[in-house]
Amino acid sequence: MSAQDKAANTGDKIKGKAKETVGKVTGNERLEAEGKADQVKGDAKQAGEKVKDVFKD
């Protein structure tokens, strides 16, 4: 996994956590759900990159 990919995936997770928090504070369920989805997307991308690394060797 390249450092750039890892940073992008971490960025998705951070962005998602921020959206989720703002959604909770404001009572915006849609924003909260989007935040949770962004976090899952970041986790999934990171897992995919780890699988790629296993098969590089």
PDB file of N, CA and C in Angstrom:
ATOM      1  N   MET A   1       0.866  -1.164   0.000  1.00  0.00           N
ATOM      2  CA  MET A   1       0.000   0.000   0.000  1.00  0.00           C
ATOM      3  C   MET A   1       0.907   1.220   0.000  1.00  0.00           C
ATOM      4  N   SER A   2       0.674   2.085  -0.961  1.00  0.00           N
ATOM      5  CA  SER A   2       1.483   3.296  -1.010  1.00  0.00           C
ATOM      6  C   SER A   2       1.028   4.275   0.064  1.00  0.00           C
ATOM      7  N   ALA A   3       1.936   5.149   0.424  1.00  0.00           N
ATOM      8  CA  ALA A   3       1.618   6.148   1.446  1.00  0.00           C
ATOM      9  C   ALA A   3       0.488   7.055   0.978  1.00  0.00           C
ATOM     10  N   GLN A   4       0.450   7.323  -0.307  1.00  0.00           N
ATOM     11  CA  GLN A   4      -0.594   8.191  -0.862  1.00  0.00           C
ATOM     12  C   GLN A   4      -1.969   7.525  -0.741  1.00  0.00           C
ATOM     13  N   ASP A   5      -2.045   6.250  -1.052  1.00  0.00           N
ATOM     14  CA  ASP A   5      -3.313   5.514  -0.924  1.00  0.00           C
ATOM     15  C   ASP A   5      -3.760   5.449   0.536  1.00  0.00           C
ATOM     16  N   LYS A   6      -2.793   5.187   1.408  1.00  0.00           N
ATOM     17  CA  LYS A   6      -3.116   5.089   2.828  1.00  0.00           C
ATOM     18  C   LYS A   6      -3.645   6.426   3.343  1.00  0.00           C
ATOM     19  N   ALA A   7      -3.026   7.525   2.914  1.00  0.00           N
ATOM     20  CA  ALA A   7      -3.475   8.857   3.337  1.00  0.00           C
ATOM     21  C   ALA A   7      -4.873   9.151   2.811  1.00  0.00           C
ATOM     22  N   ALA A   8      -5.142   8.774   1.572  1.00  0.00           N
ATOM     23  CA  ALA A   8      -6.469   9.002   0.991  1.00  0.00           C
ATOM     24  C   ALA A   8      -7.531   8.204   1.743  1.00  0.00           C
ATOM     25  N   ASN A   9      -7.224   6.973   2.070  1.00  0.00           N
ATOM     26  CA  ASN A   9      -8.175   6.126   2.801  1.00  0.00           C
ATOM     27  C   ASN A   9      -8.418   6.668   4.205  1.00  0.00           C
ATOM     28  N   THR A  10      -7.357   7.121   4.842  1.00  0.00           N
ATOM     29  CA  THR A  10      -7.492   7.721   6.164  1.00  0.00           C
ATOM     30  C   THR A  10      -8.301   9.008   6.070  1.00  0.00           C
ATOM     31  N   GLY A  11      -8.102   9.754   4.994  1.00  0.00           N
ATOM     32  CA  GLY A  11      -8.873  10.981   4.774  1.00  0.00           C
ATOM     33  C   GLY A  11     -10.357  10.695   4.671  1.00  0.00           C
ATOM     34  N   ASP A  12     -10.710   9.621   3.969  1.00  0.00           N
ATOM     35  CA  ASP A  12     -12.120   9.226   3.863  1.00  0.00           C
ATOM     36  C   ASP A  12     -12.694   8.911   5.244  1.00  0.00           C
ATOM     37  N   LYS A  13     -11.910   8.222   6.058  1.00  0.00           N
ATOM     38  CA  LYS A  13     -12.383   7.858   7.389  1.00  0.00           C
ATOM     39  C   LYS A  13     -12.565   9.098   8.268  1.00  0.00           C
ATOM     40  N   ILE A  14     -11.618  10.034   8.185  1.00  0.00           N
ATOM     41  CA  ILE A  14     -11.704  11.261   8.986  1.00  0.00           C
ATOM     42  C   ILE A  14     -12.880  12.111   8.526  1.00  0.00           C
ATOM     43  N   LYS A  15     -13.030  12.239   7.216  1.00  0.00           N
ATOM     44  CA  LYS A  15     -14.147  13.010   6.663  1.00  0.00           C
ATOM     45  C   LYS A  15     -15.471  12.389   7.106  1.00  0.00           C
ATOM     46  N   GLY A  16     -15.537  11.077   7.073  1.00  0.00           N
ATOM     47  CA  GLY A  16     -16.746  10.378   7.483  1.00  0.00           C
ATOM     48  C   GLY A  16     -17.063  10.592   8.952  1.00  0.00           C
ATOM     49  N   LYS A  17     -16.037  10.549   9.788  1.00  0.00           N
ATOM     50  CA  LYS A  17     -16.254  10.749  11.224  1.00  0.00           C
ATOM     51  C   LYS A  17     -16.748  12.170  11.494  1.00  0.00           C
ATOM     52  N   ALA A  18     -16.184  13.137  10.773  1.00  0.00           N
ATOM     53  CA  ALA A  18     -16.615  14.528  10.934  1.00  0.00           C
ATOM     54  C   ALA A  18     -18.073  14.695  10.512  1.00  0.00           C
ATOM     55  N   LYS A  19     -18.437  14.115   9.365  1.00  0.00           N
ATOM     56  CA  LYS A  19     -19.823  14.199   8.896  1.00  0.00           C
ATOM     57  C   LYS A  19     -20.770  13.556   9.900  1.00  0.00           C
ATOM     58  N   GLU A  20     -20.370  12.395  10.402  1.00  0.00           N
ATOM     59  CA  GLU A  20     -21.215  11.689  11.360  1.00  0.00           C
ATOM     60  C   GLU A  20     -21.431  12.540  12.613  1.00  0.00           C
ATOM     61  N   THR A  21     -20.367  13.133  13.102  1.00  0.00           N
ATOM     62  CA  THR A  21     -20.456  13.964  14.309  1.00  0.00           C
ATOM     63  C   THR A  21     -21.345  15.176  14.079  1.00  0.00           C
ATOM     64  N   VAL A  22     -21.155  15.860  12.955  1.00  0.00           N
ATOM     65  CA  VAL A  22     -21.990  17.029  12.643  1.00  0.00           C
ATOM     66  C   VAL A  22     -23.448  16.603  12.501  1.00  0.00           C
ATOM     67  N   GLY A  23     -23.674  15.462  11.875  1.00  0.00           N
ATOM     68  CA  GLY A  23     -25.030  14.950  11.736  1.00  0.00           C
ATOM     69  C   GLY A  23     -25.694  14.680  13.071  1.00  0.00           C
ATOM     70  N   LYS A  24     -24.930  14.105  14.001  1.00  0.00           N
ATOM     71  CA  LYS A  24     -25.477  13.829  15.332  1.00  0.00           C
ATOM     72  C   LYS A  24     -25.806  15.120  16.067  1.00  0.00           C
ATOM     73  N   VAL A  25     -24.885  16.085  16.007  1.00  0.00           N
ATOM     74  CA  VAL A  25     -25.071  17.346  16.736  1.00  0.00           C
ATOM     75  C   VAL A  25     -26.260  18.126  16.198  1.00  0.00           C
ATOM     76  N   THR A  26     -26.415  18.127  14.882  1.00  0.00           N
ATOM     77  CA  THR A  26     -27.489  18.907  14.264  1.00  0.00           C
ATOM     78  C   THR A  26     -28.786  18.129  14.128  1.00  0.00           C
ATOM     79  N   GLY A  27     -28.747  16.831  14.416  1.00  0.00           N
ATOM     80  CA  GLY A  27     -29.946  16.020  14.269  1.00  0.00           C
ATOM     81  C   GLY A  27     -30.241  15.654  12.824  1.00  0.00           C
ATOM     82  N   ASN A  28     -29.241  15.777  11.952  1.00  0.00           N
ATOM     83  CA  ASN A  28     -29.395  15.472  10.538  1.00  0.00           C
ATOM     84  C   ASN A  28     -29.031  13.998  10.314  1.00  0.00           C
ATOM     85  N   GLU A  29     -30.042  13.151  10.245  1.00  0.00           N
ATOM     86  CA  GLU A  29     -29.812  11.712  10.101  1.00  0.00           C
ATOM     87  C   GLU A  29     -29.147  11.359   8.780  1.00  0.00           C
ATOM     88  N   ARG A  30     -29.470  12.098   7.729  1.00  0.00           N
ATOM     89  CA  ARG A  30     -28.880  11.823   6.411  1.00  0.00           C
ATOM     90  C   ARG A  30     -27.372  12.066   6.443  1.00  0.00           C
ATOM     91  N   LEU A  31     -26.953  13.176   7.029  1.00  0.00           N
ATOM     92  CA  LEU A  31     -25.533  13.504   7.119  1.00  0.00           C
ATOM     93  C   LEU A  31     -24.804  12.485   7.999  1.00  0.00           C
ATOM     94  N   GLU A  32     -25.447  12.085   9.057  1.00  0.00           N
ATOM     95  CA  GLU A  32     -24.862  11.080   9.940  1.00  0.00           C
ATOM     96  C   GLU A  32     -24.646   9.761   9.187  1.00  0.00           C
ATOM     97  N   ALA A  33     -25.632   9.363   8.411  1.00  0.00           N
ATOM     98  CA  ALA A  33     -25.533   8.127   7.629  1.00  0.00           C
ATOM     99  C   ALA A  33     -24.447   8.234   6.556  1.00  0.00           C
ATOM    100  N   GLU A  34     -24.349   9.404   5.915  1.00  0.00           N
ATOM    101  CA  GLU A  34     -23.293   9.612   4.916  1.00  0.00           C
ATOM    102  C   GLU A  34     -21.918   9.484   5.563  1.00  0.00           C
ATOM    103  N   GLY A  35     -21.793  10.016   6.758  1.00  0.00           N
ATOM    104  CA  GLY A  35     -20.527   9.922   7.474  1.00  0.00           C
ATOM    105  C   GLY A  35     -20.145   8.490   7.773  1.00  0.00           C
ATOM    106  N   LYS A  36     -21.096   7.713   8.215  1.00  0.00           N
ATOM    107  CA  LYS A  36     -20.835   6.303   8.492  1.00  0.00           C
ATOM    108  C   LYS A  36     -20.445   5.569   7.202  1.00  0.00           C
ATOM    109  N   ALA A  37     -21.116   5.907   6.099  1.00  0.00           N
ATOM    110  CA  ALA A  37     -20.807   5.283   4.810  1.00  0.00           C
ATOM    111  C   ALA A  37     -19.393   5.646   4.353  1.00  0.00           C
ATOM    112  N   ASP A  38     -18.991   6.891   4.543  1.00  0.00           N
ATOM    113  CA  ASP A  38     -17.640   7.311   4.171  1.00  0.00           C
ATOM    114  C   ASP A  38     -16.586   6.541   4.968  1.00  0.00           C
ATOM    115  N   GLN A  39     -16.871   6.305   6.235  1.00  0.00           N
ATOM    116  CA  GLN A  39     -15.938   5.550   7.065  1.00  0.00           C
ATOM    117  C   GLN A  39     -15.813   4.108   6.575  1.00  0.00           C
ATOM    118  N   VAL A  40     -16.924   3.510   6.230  1.00  0.00           N
ATOM    119  CA  VAL A  40     -16.914   2.136   5.725  1.00  0.00           C
ATOM    120  C   VAL A  40     -16.163   2.075   4.398  1.00  0.00           C
ATOM    121  N   LYS A  41     -16.381   3.080   3.553  1.00  0.00           N
ATOM    122  CA  LYS A  41     -15.691   3.139   2.265  1.00  0.00           C
ATOM    123  C   LYS A  41     -14.180   3.202   2.477  1.00  0.00           C
ATOM    124  N   GLY A  42     -13.735   4.022   3.410  1.00  0.00           N
ATOM    125  CA  GLY A  42     -12.306   4.124   3.704  1.00  0.00           C
ATOM    126  C   GLY A  42     -11.735   2.810   4.212  1.00  0.00           C
ATOM    127  N   ASP A  43     -12.478   2.144   5.081  1.00  0.00           N
ATOM    128  CA  ASP A  43     -12.038   0.845   5.595  1.00  0.00           C
ATOM    129  C   ASP A  43     -11.953  -0.188   4.482  1.00  0.00           C
ATOM    130  N   ALA A  44     -12.933  -0.199   3.598  1.00  0.00           N
ATOM    131  CA  ALA A  44     -12.960  -1.169   2.506  1.00  0.00           C
ATOM    132  C   ALA A  44     -11.801  -0.936   1.533  1.00  0.00           C
ATOM    133  N   LYS A  45     -11.539   0.317   1.224  1.00  0.00           N
ATOM    134  CA  LYS A  45     -10.420   0.628   0.332  1.00  0.00           C
ATOM    135  C   LYS A  45      -9.104   0.183   0.957  1.00  0.00           C
ATOM    136  N   GLN A  46      -8.958   0.437   2.239  1.00  0.00           N
ATOM    137  CA  GLN A  46      -7.733   0.057   2.926  1.00  0.00           C
ATOM    138  C   GLN A  46      -7.568  -1.464   2.920  1.00  0.00           C
ATOM    139  N   ALA A  47      -8.633  -2.186   3.135  1.00  0.00           N
ATOM    140  CA  ALA A  47      -8.579  -3.647   3.104  1.00  0.00           C
ATOM    141  C   ALA A  47      -8.205  -4.136   1.710  1.00  0.00           C
ATOM    142  N   GLY A  48      -8.759  -3.501   0.678  1.00  0.00           N
ATOM    143  CA  GLY A  48      -8.431  -3.868  -0.692  1.00  0.00           C
ATOM    144  C   GLY A  48      -6.965  -3.637  -1.006  1.00  0.00           C
ATOM    145  N   GLU A  49      -6.418  -2.543  -0.514  1.00  0.00           N
ATOM    146  CA  GLU A  49      -4.998  -2.256  -0.733  1.00  0.00           C
ATOM    147  C   GLU A  49      -4.120  -3.292  -0.035  1.00  0.00           C
ATOM    148  N   LYS A  50      -4.526  -3.728   1.143  1.00  0.00           N
ATOM    149  CA  LYS A  50      -3.757  -4.738   1.864  1.00  0.00           C
ATOM    150  C   LYS A  50      -3.761  -6.060   1.097  1.00  0.00           C
ATOM    151  N   VAL A  51      -4.888  -6.403   0.486  1.00  0.00           N
ATOM    152  CA  VAL A  51      -4.961  -7.631  -0.315  1.00  0.00           C
ATOM    153  C   VAL A  51      -4.029  -7.514  -1.510  1.00  0.00           C
ATOM    154  N   LYS A  52      -4.005  -6.367  -2.151  1.00  0.00           N
ATOM    155  CA  LYS A  52      -3.094  -6.144  -3.289  1.00  0.00           C
ATOM    156  C   LYS A  52      -1.642  -6.348  -2.854  1.00  0.00           C
ATOM    157  N   ASP A  53      -1.301  -5.829  -1.683  1.00  0.00           N
ATOM    158  CA  ASP A  53       0.076  -5.962  -1.178  1.00  0.00           C
ATOM    159  C   ASP A  53       0.460  -7.413  -0.984  1.00  0.00           C
ATOM    160  N   VAL A  54      -0.482  -8.235  -0.542  1.00  0.00           N
ATOM    161  CA  VAL A  54      -0.189  -9.657  -0.330  1.00  0.00           C
ATOM    162  C   VAL A  54       0.192 -10.336  -1.636  1.00  0.00           C
ATOM    163  N   PHE A  55      -0.469  -9.964  -2.729  1.00  0.00           N
ATOM    164  CA  PHE A  55      -0.240 -10.615  -4.007  1.00  0.00           C
ATOM    165  C   PHE A  55       0.864  -9.979  -4.829  1.00  0.00           C
ATOM    166  N   LYS A  56       1.471  -8.910  -4.354  1.00  0.00           N
ATOM    167  CA  LYS A  56       2.578  -8.269  -5.066  1.00  0.00           C
ATOM    168  C   LYS A  56       3.825  -9.143  -5.082  1.00  0.00           C
ATOM    169  N   ASP A  57       4.035  -9.887  -4.023  1.00  0.00           N
ATOM    170  CA  ASP A  57       5.267 -10.687  -3.906  1.00  0.00           C
ATOM    171  C   ASP A  57       5.302 -11.848  -4.827  1.00  0.00           C
TER     172      ASP A  57
END
